[in-house]
Amino acid sequence: MRKYKLPAIISVLAAAIIIGSCKTHFETTKANYKTNKSSEAFERGKILVYSICGGCHYDPSAQKFIGTPIHEVPGFIGKVYAANLTNSKSHGIPPHYSDAELKYLLKTGIAKDGRFIPYMLRPNMADKDLNDIIAYLRSDDPAISATDTTIGITHFTPIGKMIMNAMAKPLPYRPGIQKPSETDSIALGRYLVDNIGCFHCHSHSLTSLNYLYPEQSKGYMEGGLKFKNPQGNNIYASNLTTDKQTGIGNFTKLQFRNAVKYGEAPNGQLHPPMPEFSKLQDNDVDAIYAYLRSIPAKYHKVHGQ
């Protein structure tokens, strides 16, 4: 029989107890916030929901925000499914949240029942964009019309629950954030890279993201993160720094726009979820391009590219 040193066993047990006893429920909001549901808010909200939420929640075959399986989660953690965002009262998320609760969830990651959801964080999003997202989710647009279905129920293994509990660090609710001016392309581009979530996929690791200060994320915009395409094959996020050998240093503004909006890069067709950004306005994409050209070029050869 293998002999284990007592201090090592005690350390493992102590770590398990600490992780397992982490606070898992938090205070949510009691605010009485109501969304402005103008036609302008709807149009902008639609662009934002497709661009921010589409990669996980939009099913192209159904043309609905009914959710999708998240294949990138390792099996030892469990099975994760993106939620139904339609206005289904039996399966959808929006009908069960007030406007204030949706806004609070997106800012802090805290659900209405106090659970922390660590992958829906937009602490730096402007109040107007939050308003517009909620306005769209409250609309009768076909993509979010009530669809009484679920593609799966998220289930974490005991190890997965311990990991999730260890990650239970809600972000501060910071109201009053303003979106940068359209005339400041670099500031606007940085804002969009943050809030659309470009840096989530194009940095080194989902577990080392810094949502409050994105540039402090490990391997910020250098790419390399592994995903799976709908066929189950591995794909890797590209280096979006301006390194000319491994990044986008040779992309023109038009080439970058075509890559982001239509998945057409100079070196070939891009994989999903890139085509979900086709609804972004040209000036938004151009602002992202201007911002990316302002950050340091980093040599990082991505697998398979």
Protein backbone atom coordinates (compact mmCIF):
# COMPACT_ATOMS: atom_id res chain seq x y z
CA MET A 1 0.00 0.00 0.00
CA ARG A 2 1.28 3.46 -0.91
CA LYS A 3 2.16 5.56 2.11
CA TYR A 4 1.01 9.18 2.20
CA LYS A 5 2.59 11.83 4.36
CA LEU A 6 0.12 13.14 6.96
CA PRO A 7 0.88 16.85 6.32
CA ALA A 8 0.08 16.38 2.62
CA ILE A 9 -3.26 14.72 3.42
CA ILE A 10 -4.13 17.48 5.89
CA SER A 11 -3.28 20.12 3.28
CA VAL A 12 -5.52 18.51 0.67
CA LEU A 13 -8.42 18.16 3.12
CA ALA A 14 -8.00 21.72 4.32
CA ALA A 15 -8.02 23.01 0.75
CA ALA A 16 -11.17 21.02 -0.01
CA ILE A 17 -12.91 22.36 3.09
CA ILE A 18 -11.94 25.95 2.30
CA ILE A 19 -13.03 25.70 -1.32
CA GLY A 20 -16.22 23.85 -0.48
CA SER A 21 -17.19 26.37 2.17
CA CYS A 22 -16.72 29.45 -0.02
CA LYS A 23 -19.67 31.78 -0.02
CA THR A 24 -21.94 30.79 -2.90
CA HIS A 25 -24.88 33.18 -2.52
CA PHE A 26 -24.78 36.95 -2.56
CA GLU A 27 -27.05 39.94 -2.19
CA THR A 28 -28.82 40.97 -5.37
CA THR A 29 -30.51 44.24 -6.28
CA LYS A 30 -33.74 45.71 -4.99
CA ALA A 31 -33.66 48.66 -7.38
CA ASN A 32 -36.75 49.75 -9.30
CA TYR A 33 -35.20 50.26 -12.73
CA LYS A 34 -37.22 50.42 -15.94
CA THR A 35 -35.76 50.17 -19.45
CA ASN A 36 -36.33 52.77 -22.15
CA LYS A 37 -37.81 50.72 -25.00
CA SER A 38 -37.44 53.13 -27.91
CA SER A 39 -36.95 51.95 -31.50
CA GLU A 40 -33.37 53.23 -31.33
CA ALA A 41 -32.75 51.17 -28.18
CA PHE A 42 -34.19 48.08 -29.90
CA GLU A 43 -31.95 48.43 -32.97
CA ARG A 44 -28.76 48.95 -30.99
CA GLY A 45 -29.75 46.27 -28.48
CA LYS A 46 -30.21 43.75 -31.29
CA ILE A 47 -26.69 44.42 -32.55
CA LEU A 48 -25.29 44.05 -29.04
CA VAL A 49 -27.18 40.85 -28.18
CA TYR A 50 -26.12 39.15 -31.40
CA SER A 51 -22.51 40.31 -30.94
CA ILE A 52 -22.15 39.68 -27.21
CA CYS A 53 -24.51 36.78 -26.53
CA GLY A 54 -24.70 35.14 -29.95
CA GLY A 55 -21.56 33.01 -29.69
CA CYS A 56 -23.06 30.92 -26.88
CA HIS A 57 -26.81 31.53 -26.86
CA TYR A 58 -27.71 31.68 -30.56
CA ASP A 59 -28.52 28.50 -32.45
CA PRO A 60 -28.02 29.25 -36.18
CA SER A 61 -30.03 26.20 -37.28
CA ALA A 62 -33.07 27.36 -35.30
CA GLN A 63 -32.30 31.08 -35.80
CA LYS A 64 -33.19 31.52 -32.16
CA PHE A 65 -31.47 32.41 -28.90
CA ILE A 66 -32.36 29.03 -27.41
CA GLY A 67 -28.85 28.27 -26.13
CA THR A 68 -26.16 25.82 -27.18
CA PRO A 69 -23.94 23.20 -25.48
CA ILE A 70 -20.62 24.61 -24.29
CA HIS A 71 -18.26 21.92 -25.57
CA GLU A 72 -15.10 23.57 -24.25
CA VAL A 73 -15.86 22.65 -20.62
CA PRO A 74 -13.80 19.57 -19.61
CA GLY A 75 -15.84 16.52 -18.69
CA PHE A 76 -14.47 16.34 -15.14
CA ILE A 77 -16.10 19.74 -14.45
CA GLY A 78 -19.49 18.72 -15.80
CA LYS A 79 -21.82 19.65 -18.64
CA VAL A 80 -22.64 23.28 -19.32
CA TYR A 81 -25.35 24.68 -21.57
CA ALA A 82 -25.96 28.31 -22.46
CA ALA A 83 -29.41 29.39 -21.32
CA ASN A 84 -32.52 30.00 -23.40
CA LEU A 85 -32.79 33.78 -23.87
CA THR A 86 -36.19 33.75 -25.54
CA ASN A 87 -39.31 35.07 -23.84
CA SER A 88 -40.51 31.58 -22.96
CA LYS A 89 -42.13 31.62 -19.52
CA SER A 90 -41.26 27.96 -19.00
CA HIS A 91 -37.63 27.91 -20.19
CA GLY A 92 -36.46 31.45 -20.98
CA ILE A 93 -34.41 33.67 -18.70
CA PRO A 94 -35.79 37.21 -19.43
CA PRO A 95 -39.42 36.66 -18.29
CA HIS A 96 -38.23 35.64 -14.83
CA TYR A 97 -36.08 38.73 -14.25
CA SER A 98 -36.96 42.35 -13.68
CA ASP A 99 -35.09 44.96 -15.72
CA ALA A 100 -33.04 45.83 -12.64
CA GLU A 101 -32.15 42.17 -12.00
CA LEU A 102 -31.00 41.67 -15.60
CA LYS A 103 -28.84 44.78 -15.42
CA TYR A 104 -27.36 43.66 -12.10
CA LEU A 105 -26.65 40.16 -13.46
CA LEU A 106 -24.75 41.51 -16.46
CA LYS A 107 -22.72 43.90 -14.32
CA THR A 108 -21.85 41.68 -11.37
CA GLY A 109 -22.55 38.07 -12.34
CA ILE A 110 -25.09 37.70 -9.51
CA ALA A 111 -28.35 36.00 -10.50
CA LYS A 112 -31.69 36.91 -8.95
CA ASP A 113 -31.45 33.94 -6.55
CA GLY A 114 -28.03 35.10 -5.34
CA ARG A 115 -25.94 32.56 -7.27
CA PHE A 116 -22.75 33.78 -8.90
CA ILE A 117 -22.47 33.05 -12.64
CA PRO A 118 -18.82 33.68 -13.60
CA TYR A 119 -19.21 33.91 -17.37
CA MET A 120 -21.72 36.73 -17.85
CA LEU A 121 -19.67 39.65 -16.62
CA ARG A 122 -19.71 43.12 -18.16
CA PRO A 123 -18.73 45.38 -15.24
CA ASN A 124 -17.50 48.16 -17.55
CA MET A 125 -20.55 48.33 -19.81
CA ALA A 126 -22.20 51.72 -20.25
CA ASP A 127 -25.67 52.19 -18.82
CA LYS A 128 -27.06 52.99 -22.27
CA ASP A 129 -25.82 49.74 -23.78
CA LEU A 130 -27.27 47.78 -20.86
CA ASN A 131 -30.57 49.55 -21.41
CA ASP A 132 -30.53 48.69 -25.11
CA ILE A 133 -29.72 45.00 -24.49
CA ILE A 134 -32.66 44.68 -22.10
CA ALA A 135 -34.92 46.59 -24.50
CA TYR A 136 -34.16 44.05 -27.22
CA LEU A 137 -34.66 41.07 -24.88
CA ARG A 138 -38.09 42.49 -23.99
CA SER A 139 -39.10 42.87 -27.65
CA ASP A 140 -41.10 40.63 -29.97
CA ASP A 141 -38.23 40.06 -32.41
CA PRO A 142 -38.50 36.54 -33.94
CA ALA A 143 -35.07 35.45 -32.66
CA ILE A 144 -36.21 35.86 -29.05
CA SER A 145 -39.90 35.07 -29.39
CA ALA A 146 -40.98 32.48 -26.85
CA THR A 147 -39.57 29.02 -27.62
CA ASP A 148 -40.50 26.44 -25.00
CA THR A 149 -37.47 24.21 -25.24
CA THR A 150 -34.19 23.54 -23.53
CA ILE A 151 -31.06 22.10 -25.08
CA GLY A 152 -29.81 20.74 -21.75
CA ILE A 153 -29.53 21.35 -18.04
CA THR A 154 -26.16 22.49 -16.69
CA HIS A 155 -24.73 19.97 -14.25
CA PHE A 156 -21.43 20.25 -12.38
CA THR A 157 -19.55 17.33 -10.91
CA PRO A 158 -18.39 17.59 -7.26
CA ILE A 159 -15.00 18.78 -8.54
CA GLY A 160 -16.73 21.23 -10.85
CA LYS A 161 -18.77 22.63 -7.97
CA MET A 162 -15.62 23.12 -5.91
CA ILE A 163 -13.97 24.96 -8.79
CA MET A 164 -17.05 27.13 -9.33
CA ASN A 165 -17.22 27.94 -5.64
CA ALA A 166 -13.57 28.91 -5.67
CA MET A 167 -14.31 31.32 -8.54
CA ALA A 168 -17.24 32.92 -6.68
CA LYS A 169 -16.00 36.50 -6.71
CA PRO A 170 -18.76 38.85 -7.86
CA LEU A 171 -17.70 42.14 -9.35
CA PRO A 172 -18.70 45.54 -7.99
CA TYR A 173 -21.79 47.20 -9.37
CA ARG A 174 -20.62 50.45 -10.90
CA PRO A 175 -23.43 52.61 -12.29
CA GLY A 176 -23.11 55.70 -14.44
CA ILE A 177 -20.53 54.45 -16.95
CA GLN A 178 -20.62 56.36 -20.23
CA LYS A 179 -19.73 54.95 -23.63
CA PRO A 180 -16.74 56.71 -25.28
CA SER A 181 -17.41 59.24 -28.01
CA GLU A 182 -17.63 58.03 -31.61
CA THR A 183 -14.90 60.56 -32.44
CA ASP A 184 -12.37 58.85 -30.13
CA SER A 185 -11.86 55.68 -32.14
CA ILE A 186 -9.16 54.15 -29.92
CA ALA A 187 -11.17 54.64 -26.71
CA LEU A 188 -14.31 53.34 -28.42
CA GLY A 189 -12.40 50.34 -29.78
CA ARG A 190 -11.07 49.49 -26.34
CA TYR A 191 -14.59 49.72 -24.92
CA LEU A 192 -15.92 47.37 -27.60
CA VAL A 193 -13.09 44.84 -27.19
CA ASP A 194 -13.95 44.79 -23.50
CA ASN A 195 -17.73 44.65 -23.68
CA ILE A 196 -18.26 42.58 -26.80
CA GLY A 197 -15.81 40.21 -25.13
CA CYS A 198 -13.10 39.91 -27.80
CA PHE A 199 -10.46 39.55 -25.10
CA HIS A 200 -12.30 36.62 -23.52
CA CYS A 201 -11.52 34.31 -26.43
CA HIS A 202 -8.38 35.96 -27.77
CA SER A 203 -6.35 35.90 -24.54
CA HIS A 204 -4.55 32.84 -23.17
CA SER A 205 -7.03 31.44 -20.67
CA LEU A 206 -10.66 31.85 -19.63
CA THR A 207 -9.65 31.29 -16.01
CA SER A 208 -7.15 34.16 -15.96
CA LEU A 209 -9.37 36.89 -17.42
CA ASN A 210 -9.47 40.21 -15.61
CA TYR A 211 -12.96 41.56 -16.25
CA LEU A 212 -12.37 44.87 -14.49
CA TYR A 213 -9.01 45.55 -16.12
CA PRO A 214 -8.92 43.51 -19.35
CA GLU A 215 -5.35 44.43 -20.32
CA GLN A 216 -4.15 42.62 -17.19
CA SER A 217 -5.51 39.31 -18.51
CA LYS A 218 -2.85 36.70 -19.23
CA GLY A 219 -1.79 36.84 -22.87
CA TYR A 220 -4.14 39.72 -23.62
CA MET A 221 -5.26 39.52 -27.27
CA GLU A 222 -2.41 37.12 -28.14
CA GLY A 223 -4.80 34.24 -28.93
CA GLY A 224 -4.23 30.53 -28.50
CA LEU A 225 -7.34 29.57 -26.54
CA LYS A 226 -8.73 26.21 -27.69
CA PHE A 227 -12.36 25.72 -28.67
CA LYS A 228 -14.37 23.11 -30.53
CA ASN A 229 -16.29 23.75 -33.72
CA PRO A 230 -19.78 22.26 -34.31
CA GLN A 231 -18.13 19.14 -35.75
CA GLY A 232 -16.15 18.60 -32.54
CA ASN A 233 -12.77 19.55 -34.00
CA ASN A 234 -10.31 21.74 -32.11
CA ILE A 235 -9.94 25.34 -33.25
CA TYR A 236 -7.77 28.06 -31.75
CA ALA A 237 -8.41 31.77 -31.29
CA SER A 238 -6.14 33.98 -33.37
CA ASN A 239 -3.48 36.41 -32.23
CA LEU A 240 -5.09 39.85 -32.66
CA THR A 241 -2.03 41.92 -31.85
CA THR A 242 -0.26 43.67 -34.71
CA ASP A 243 2.65 41.26 -34.89
CA LYS A 244 3.26 40.81 -38.63
CA GLN A 245 4.30 37.17 -38.41
CA THR A 246 1.76 35.71 -36.01
CA GLY A 247 -0.89 38.41 -35.66
CA ILE A 248 -2.87 40.83 -37.81
CA GLY A 249 -0.08 43.30 -38.50
CA ASN A 250 -0.56 42.92 -42.26
CA PHE A 251 -4.34 43.33 -42.25
CA THR A 252 -5.76 46.44 -43.88
CA LYS A 253 -8.81 48.08 -42.33
CA LEU A 254 -11.05 46.54 -45.00
CA GLN A 255 -9.55 43.07 -44.55
CA PHE A 256 -10.09 43.29 -40.81
CA ARG A 257 -13.69 44.43 -41.34
CA ASN A 258 -14.38 41.49 -43.66
CA ALA A 259 -12.83 39.07 -41.16
CA VAL A 260 -14.89 40.34 -38.21
CA LYS A 261 -18.22 40.77 -39.99
CA TYR A 262 -18.16 37.96 -42.52
CA GLY A 263 -15.48 35.51 -41.37
CA GLU A 264 -13.40 36.15 -44.50
CA ALA A 265 -9.72 36.55 -43.62
CA PRO A 266 -6.87 36.99 -46.13
CA ASN A 267 -5.57 33.53 -45.21
CA GLY A 268 -8.89 31.71 -45.33
CA GLN A 269 -12.37 31.37 -43.86
CA LEU A 270 -12.75 31.90 -40.12
CA HIS A 271 -14.63 29.53 -37.83
CA PRO A 272 -17.77 30.30 -35.79
CA PRO A 273 -18.56 32.31 -33.73
CA MET A 274 -16.92 35.01 -35.85
CA PRO A 275 -19.75 35.28 -38.43
CA GLU A 276 -22.12 36.19 -35.57
CA PHE A 277 -20.54 39.67 -35.64
CA SER A 278 -22.04 40.45 -39.04
CA LYS A 279 -24.50 42.86 -37.45
CA LEU A 280 -21.77 45.12 -36.06
CA GLN A 281 -21.68 48.53 -37.72
CA ASP A 282 -18.65 49.39 -39.84
CA ASN A 283 -17.63 52.24 -37.55
CA ASP A 284 -17.60 49.84 -34.57
CA VAL A 285 -15.33 47.40 -36.39
CA ASP A 286 -13.07 50.22 -37.57
CA ALA A 287 -12.79 51.47 -33.98
CA ILE A 288 -11.74 47.97 -32.83
CA TYR A 289 -9.13 47.94 -35.60
CA ALA A 290 -7.81 51.35 -34.49
CA TYR A 291 -7.55 50.16 -30.89
CA LEU A 292 -5.78 46.91 -31.78
CA ARG A 293 -3.21 48.88 -33.75
CA SER A 294 -2.51 50.93 -30.63
CA ILE A 295 -1.56 48.01 -28.36
CA PRO A 296 1.87 46.33 -28.36
CA ALA A 297 2.55 43.69 -31.00
CA LYS A 298 3.21 40.29 -29.43
CA TYR A 299 4.83 37.36 -31.19
CA HIS A 300 2.70 34.34 -30.38
CA LYS A 301 2.38 31.48 -32.84
CA VAL A 302 -1.08 29.96 -32.46
CA HIS A 303 -1.46 26.21 -33.01
CA GLY A 304 -2.61 25.40 -36.53
CA GLN A 305 -2.21 28.94 -37.86
